[in-house]
Protein backbone atom coordinates (compact mmCIF):
# COMPACT_ATOMS: atom_id res chain seq x y z
CA MET A 1 121.80 232.40 -28.91
CA PHE A 2 120.79 233.22 -25.35
CA LYS A 3 118.22 230.39 -25.32
CA THR A 4 120.81 227.84 -26.54
CA THR A 5 123.35 228.93 -23.94
CA MET A 6 120.77 228.64 -21.16
CA LEU A 7 119.70 225.18 -22.34
CA LEU A 8 123.31 224.02 -22.34
CA ALA A 9 123.92 225.48 -18.88
CA ILE A 10 120.91 223.81 -17.20
CA PRO A 11 122.27 220.21 -17.23
CA PHE A 12 125.64 221.44 -15.94
CA PHE A 13 123.98 223.44 -13.17
CA LEU A 14 121.71 220.55 -12.17
CA SER A 15 124.52 218.00 -12.18
CA SER A 16 126.68 220.29 -10.05
CA PHE A 17 123.84 220.91 -7.65
CA CYS A 18 122.64 217.31 -7.43
CA PHE A 19 125.96 215.49 -7.22
CA SER A 20 128.47 217.82 -5.61
CA GLN A 21 126.81 217.64 -2.18
CA ILE A 22 127.04 213.86 -1.77
CA PRO A 23 129.96 212.89 0.48
CA SER A 24 132.22 210.00 -0.44
CA LYS A 25 131.94 206.60 1.21
CA VAL A 26 135.12 207.32 3.19
CA ASP A 27 134.57 207.49 6.95
CA TYR A 28 137.86 208.20 8.67
CA ASP A 29 136.31 208.38 12.15
CA ALA A 30 134.67 204.94 11.80
CA PHE A 31 137.93 203.49 10.46
CA GLU A 32 139.87 205.03 13.35
CA LYS A 33 137.41 203.48 15.81
CA LEU A 34 137.87 200.09 14.10
CA VAL A 35 141.67 200.45 14.30
CA MET A 36 141.49 201.02 18.06
CA GLU A 37 139.26 197.96 18.49
CA VAL A 38 141.59 195.83 16.38
CA LYS A 39 144.72 196.97 18.24
CA ASP A 40 143.86 195.01 21.40
CA HIS A 41 142.56 192.02 19.44
CA ARG A 42 145.72 191.82 17.30
CA ALA A 43 148.07 192.01 20.30
CA ASP A 44 147.15 188.43 21.29
CA ARG A 45 147.30 187.11 17.73
CA LEU A 46 150.96 187.62 16.82
CA VAL A 47 152.55 184.19 16.40
CA SER A 48 156.05 182.80 15.99
CA VAL A 49 157.06 180.93 12.86
CA GLU A 50 156.79 177.64 14.77
CA LYS A 51 153.23 178.44 15.87
CA PHE A 52 152.39 179.69 12.36
CA ASN A 53 153.55 176.38 10.87
CA GLU A 54 151.75 174.31 13.49
CA MET A 55 148.50 176.23 12.97
CA SER A 56 148.79 175.92 9.17
CA LYS A 57 148.43 172.13 9.45
CA ARG A 58 145.07 172.27 11.25
CA ASN A 59 141.68 171.91 9.58
CA ASN A 60 139.77 175.03 8.55
CA VAL A 61 142.95 177.15 8.25
CA VAL A 62 144.13 179.24 5.31
CA ILE A 63 147.34 181.14 4.77
CA LEU A 64 146.43 184.37 3.01
CA ASP A 65 148.88 186.37 0.89
CA THR A 66 147.55 189.83 0.01
CA ARG A 67 150.58 191.13 -1.89
CA SER A 68 150.39 191.73 -5.63
CA LYS A 69 149.66 188.75 -7.88
CA ALA A 70 153.10 189.08 -9.51
CA MET A 71 154.90 188.86 -6.15
CA TYR A 72 152.66 186.01 -4.99
CA ASP A 73 153.26 184.04 -8.20
CA ALA A 74 157.01 184.51 -7.90
CA LYS A 75 157.40 183.59 -4.23
CA HIS A 76 155.00 182.91 -1.37
CA VAL A 77 154.63 180.73 1.71
CA LYS A 78 153.84 177.20 0.61
CA GLY A 79 150.11 176.56 0.61
CA ALA A 80 149.11 180.23 0.71
CA ILE A 81 146.10 181.42 -1.25
CA HIS A 82 146.06 184.83 -2.90
CA LEU A 83 143.73 187.81 -2.76
CA ASN A 84 145.30 191.14 -3.63
CA PHE A 85 144.61 193.63 -0.84
CA SER A 86 143.20 196.13 -3.31
CA ASP A 87 140.56 193.51 -4.24
CA PHE A 88 139.20 193.18 -0.69
CA THR A 89 135.43 193.55 -0.79
CA GLN A 90 132.76 191.84 1.26
CA LEU A 91 131.72 189.68 -1.70
CA GLY A 92 135.29 188.91 -2.75
CA LEU A 93 136.20 187.75 0.75
CA GLU A 94 132.99 185.72 1.11
CA LEU A 95 133.69 183.92 -2.16
CA LEU A 96 137.24 183.10 -1.08
CA LEU A 97 136.49 182.53 2.62
CA PRO A 98 132.81 181.55 2.92
CA SER A 99 133.02 180.81 6.67
CA LYS A 100 133.79 183.57 9.14
CA ASP A 101 135.02 180.79 11.47
CA VAL A 102 138.03 179.99 9.29
CA THR A 103 141.41 180.61 10.86
CA ILE A 104 143.42 183.00 8.67
CA LEU A 105 147.20 183.22 8.88
CA ILE A 106 148.76 186.32 7.34
CA TYR A 107 152.25 187.55 6.50
CA CYS A 108 153.79 190.27 4.35
CA ASN A 109 157.06 191.50 2.87
CA ASN A 110 158.22 192.81 6.24
CA ASN A 111 158.28 189.27 7.65
CA PHE A 112 161.02 188.15 5.26
CA ASP A 113 164.66 189.12 4.96
CA ASN A 114 167.35 188.54 2.30
CA ASP A 115 165.11 189.00 -0.73
CA LEU A 116 164.71 192.59 -1.89
CA MET A 117 163.25 191.47 -5.20
CA TYR A 118 160.23 189.43 -4.01
CA PHE A 119 159.93 190.55 -0.38
CA PRO A 120 161.11 194.18 -0.43
CA THR A 121 160.83 195.90 2.94
CA LYS A 122 158.01 198.41 3.00
CA ALA A 123 159.37 201.39 4.88
CA TYR A 124 159.79 205.13 4.73
CA VAL A 125 163.44 206.04 5.19
CA PRO A 126 163.96 209.77 5.79
CA PRO A 127 166.33 211.61 3.46
CA VAL A 128 169.86 212.28 4.72
CA GLU A 129 169.11 215.97 5.28
CA LYS A 130 166.36 214.97 7.77
CA LYS A 131 168.66 212.91 9.99
CA ASN A 132 166.53 213.57 13.10
CA GLU A 133 163.35 212.30 11.48
CA LEU A 134 162.39 208.73 12.29
CA GLY A 135 161.63 206.15 9.65
CA ILE A 136 158.49 204.06 9.73
CA THR A 137 157.58 200.65 8.35
CA MET A 138 154.51 200.31 6.14
CA ALA A 139 153.73 196.63 6.61
CA LEU A 140 150.78 195.26 4.66
CA ASN A 141 149.95 192.98 7.62
CA ILE A 142 148.35 195.81 9.56
CA PRO A 143 145.77 197.00 6.99
CA THR A 144 145.13 193.37 6.02
CA TYR A 145 144.38 192.48 9.65
CA ILE A 146 142.21 195.57 10.15
CA ASN A 147 140.20 194.92 7.00
CA LEU A 148 139.70 191.21 7.66
CA TYR A 149 138.46 192.07 11.17
CA GLY A 150 136.22 194.83 9.80
CA TYR A 151 134.66 192.38 7.34
CA GLY A 152 133.88 190.01 10.22
CA TYR A 153 136.86 187.64 10.06
CA LYS A 154 138.02 187.72 13.67
CA ASN A 155 140.02 184.48 13.73
CA VAL A 156 143.14 186.06 12.21
CA TYR A 157 146.73 185.39 13.26
CA GLU A 158 149.80 187.23 12.06
CA LEU A 159 153.37 186.02 11.66
CA SER A 160 155.36 188.11 14.14
CA GLU A 161 158.96 187.34 13.19
CA LEU A 162 161.44 188.59 10.65
CA ILE A 163 162.90 185.47 9.07
CA SER A 164 165.36 184.86 6.30
CA ILE A 165 164.08 183.34 3.08
CA PHE A 166 166.83 180.76 3.66
CA ASP A 167 165.39 179.79 7.07
CA GLN A 168 164.49 176.09 6.94
CA ARG A 169 161.53 176.63 9.29
CA ILE A 170 159.44 178.10 6.48
CA GLU A 171 158.88 176.69 3.01
CA LEU A 172 158.39 178.98 0.05
CA GLU A 173 157.05 178.16 -3.39
CA GLY A 174 156.47 179.98 -6.68
CA THR A 175 158.10 180.51 -10.03
CA ALA A 176 161.20 182.23 -8.57
CA VAL A 177 161.70 179.37 -6.10
CA THR A 178 161.37 176.80 -8.88
CA GLU A 179 163.87 178.71 -11.05
CA LEU A 180 166.35 178.90 -8.19
CA ARG A 181 165.89 175.25 -7.22
CA PHE A 182 166.29 173.92 -10.75
CA GLY A 183 168.68 176.55 -12.10
CA LEU A 184 166.25 177.74 -14.78
């Protein structure tokens, strides 16, 4: 009995000893350093809808939508390609964007107004009982920009305006746009 218990305990002890001391691949300090580097870079890369549209017509430019596939399929900026933010990896980005010289235009839910279904605002709104607490927006643009930059894509530009989905300066496409347009 004692021998069996000891034999069963050895693999557990070894696995605890061997694996519990290995830190995760999360490096908050390195990420924080990257964020500070990106902050200055991003400040000069915020563009108006007119500039966004003008840039989108150039060669070697992609519009990247990193929202969920369901939201992208339903409604996105015309011509945008999709890569869900949670699928960002070095290989995934290199397969989609093989050249680091490509110009990447990004946008997110917080750039669009008047569509809570397909472009819901990402924000923390404090509860009524915390009336002195400030809310904060959680725009996907910022982590998208940081990650693209961190993976070596430094030619990134971000839509800086809040525009209505009814604004004629931007064209949207997707299944929800088709349904609306054709009354499906």
